[in-house]
Amino acid sequence: MNIKLEDIEEFANESVGTYLFADRCFSDDNLLINTQEILKSKNKEMRLF
C-alpha cells in the first residue's frame, strides 16, 4: 500500500496521537519527508518500523 500526501493531510487534521508506519508504505524519500513535516507541523509524532 502506498500512502498519498492527501491521505496524510486528511487524517492529520482529524485525529490525535502517534502515527506508526511501515517504511514500505512510502513510494519515495520525498513522500516520507513531507509526511514527517506535515505531522510535525500539527504536533503529531511519527514512527517507522
N, C-alpha and C. Protein backbone atom coordinates (compact mmCIF):
# COMPACT_ATOMS: atom_id res chain seq x y z
N MET A 1 0.85 -1.18 0.00
CA MET A 1 0.00 0.00 0.00
C MET A 1 0.89 1.24 0.00
N ASN A 2 0.66 2.13 -0.91
CA ASN A 2 1.37 3.40 -0.94
C ASN A 2 0.49 4.49 -0.37
N ILE A 3 1.04 5.23 0.54
CA ILE A 3 0.34 6.35 1.15
C ILE A 3 0.47 7.55 0.23
N LYS A 4 -0.59 8.34 0.18
CA LYS A 4 -0.59 9.56 -0.62
C LYS A 4 -0.57 10.75 0.33
N LEU A 5 0.03 11.83 -0.11
CA LEU A 5 0.15 13.02 0.71
C LEU A 5 -1.23 13.56 1.13
N GLU A 6 -2.20 13.44 0.24
CA GLU A 6 -3.56 13.89 0.56
C GLU A 6 -4.13 13.10 1.74
N ASP A 7 -3.82 11.81 1.81
CA ASP A 7 -4.30 10.98 2.91
C ASP A 7 -3.69 11.45 4.23
N ILE A 8 -2.41 11.74 4.21
CA ILE A 8 -1.72 12.20 5.41
C ILE A 8 -2.33 13.50 5.91
N GLU A 9 -2.54 14.44 5.01
CA GLU A 9 -3.11 15.72 5.39
C GLU A 9 -4.51 15.56 5.98
N GLU A 10 -5.29 14.68 5.40
CA GLU A 10 -6.66 14.47 5.88
C GLU A 10 -6.69 13.90 7.29
N PHE A 11 -5.99 12.79 7.53
CA PHE A 11 -6.10 12.21 8.86
C PHE A 11 -5.28 12.96 9.90
N ALA A 12 -4.29 13.75 9.50
CA ALA A 12 -3.56 14.58 10.45
C ALA A 12 -4.45 15.68 11.01
N ASN A 13 -5.41 16.13 10.23
CA ASN A 13 -6.35 17.15 10.68
C ASN A 13 -7.44 16.58 11.58
N GLU A 14 -7.74 15.31 11.45
CA GLU A 14 -8.90 14.75 12.13
C GLU A 14 -8.58 13.91 13.35
N SER A 15 -7.34 13.50 13.54
CA SER A 15 -7.06 12.58 14.63
C SER A 15 -5.88 13.07 15.46
N VAL A 16 -5.68 12.40 16.58
CA VAL A 16 -4.59 12.76 17.50
C VAL A 16 -3.72 11.55 17.75
N GLY A 17 -2.52 11.80 18.24
CA GLY A 17 -1.68 10.70 18.66
C GLY A 17 -0.41 10.53 17.86
N THR A 18 0.14 9.36 18.02
CA THR A 18 1.37 8.98 17.34
C THR A 18 1.02 8.07 16.17
N TYR A 19 1.66 8.29 15.05
CA TYR A 19 1.42 7.51 13.85
C TYR A 19 2.55 6.52 13.65
N LEU A 20 2.20 5.30 13.38
CA LEU A 20 3.16 4.23 13.16
C LEU A 20 3.00 3.74 11.72
N PHE A 21 4.07 3.83 10.95
CA PHE A 21 4.04 3.44 9.55
C PHE A 21 5.11 2.40 9.26
N ALA A 22 4.80 1.49 8.36
CA ALA A 22 5.83 0.63 7.79
C ALA A 22 6.57 1.46 6.76
N ASP A 23 7.88 1.39 6.75
CA ASP A 23 8.65 2.20 5.81
C ASP A 23 8.33 1.89 4.36
N ARG A 24 7.84 0.71 4.09
CA ARG A 24 7.50 0.34 2.71
C ARG A 24 6.21 1.02 2.21
N CYS A 25 5.51 1.72 3.09
CA CYS A 25 4.30 2.44 2.68
C CYS A 25 4.60 3.67 1.86
N PHE A 26 5.85 4.12 1.89
CA PHE A 26 6.22 5.35 1.20
C PHE A 26 6.90 5.02 -0.11
N SER A 27 6.40 5.60 -1.18
CA SER A 27 6.92 5.30 -2.51
C SER A 27 8.31 5.89 -2.74
N ASP A 28 8.64 6.96 -2.02
CA ASP A 28 9.97 7.56 -2.15
C ASP A 28 10.30 8.37 -0.90
N ASP A 29 11.55 8.83 -0.82
CA ASP A 29 12.00 9.59 0.34
C ASP A 29 11.31 10.94 0.45
N ASN A 30 10.96 11.54 -0.67
CA ASN A 30 10.27 12.83 -0.63
C ASN A 30 8.92 12.72 0.08
N LEU A 31 8.20 11.68 -0.19
CA LEU A 31 6.91 11.47 0.46
C LEU A 31 7.10 11.25 1.95
N LEU A 32 8.10 10.50 2.32
CA LEU A 32 8.40 10.27 3.74
C LEU A 32 8.73 11.59 4.44
N ILE A 33 9.60 12.39 3.85
CA ILE A 33 9.99 13.67 4.44
C ILE A 33 8.79 14.61 4.54
N ASN A 34 7.99 14.67 3.49
CA ASN A 34 6.79 15.53 3.52
C ASN A 34 5.81 15.08 4.59
N THR A 35 5.66 13.79 4.75
CA THR A 35 4.78 13.26 5.78
C THR A 35 5.27 13.66 7.16
N GLN A 36 6.57 13.52 7.38
CA GLN A 36 7.15 13.92 8.67
C GLN A 36 6.90 15.40 8.94
N GLU A 37 7.07 16.22 7.94
CA GLU A 37 6.89 17.66 8.11
C GLU A 37 5.43 18.03 8.38
N ILE A 38 4.52 17.40 7.67
CA ILE A 38 3.09 17.66 7.90
C ILE A 38 2.71 17.30 9.33
N LEU A 39 3.10 16.11 9.76
CA LEU A 39 2.74 15.68 11.11
C LEU A 39 3.41 16.53 12.17
N LYS A 40 4.65 16.89 11.94
CA LYS A 40 5.38 17.75 12.88
C LYS A 40 4.69 19.10 13.01
N SER A 41 4.23 19.66 11.91
CA SER A 41 3.56 20.96 11.94
C SER A 41 2.25 20.92 12.71
N LYS A 42 1.69 19.74 12.85
CA LYS A 42 0.43 19.56 13.59
C LYS A 42 0.67 18.97 14.98
N ASN A 43 1.92 19.00 15.42
CA ASN A 43 2.32 18.49 16.74
C ASN A 43 1.98 17.01 16.92
N LYS A 44 2.18 16.26 15.87
CA LYS A 44 1.96 14.81 15.91
C LYS A 44 3.31 14.11 15.83
N GLU A 45 3.36 12.91 16.32
CA GLU A 45 4.60 12.12 16.28
C GLU A 45 4.47 11.00 15.27
N MET A 46 5.59 10.68 14.63
CA MET A 46 5.59 9.64 13.61
C MET A 46 6.72 8.67 13.92
N ARG A 47 6.44 7.38 13.80
CA ARG A 47 7.46 6.34 13.96
C ARG A 47 7.38 5.38 12.80
N LEU A 48 8.54 4.86 12.44
CA LEU A 48 8.64 3.89 11.35
C LEU A 48 9.06 2.53 11.89
N PHE A 49 8.61 1.50 11.25
CA PHE A 49 9.11 0.15 11.55
C PHE A 49 9.43 -0.57 10.29
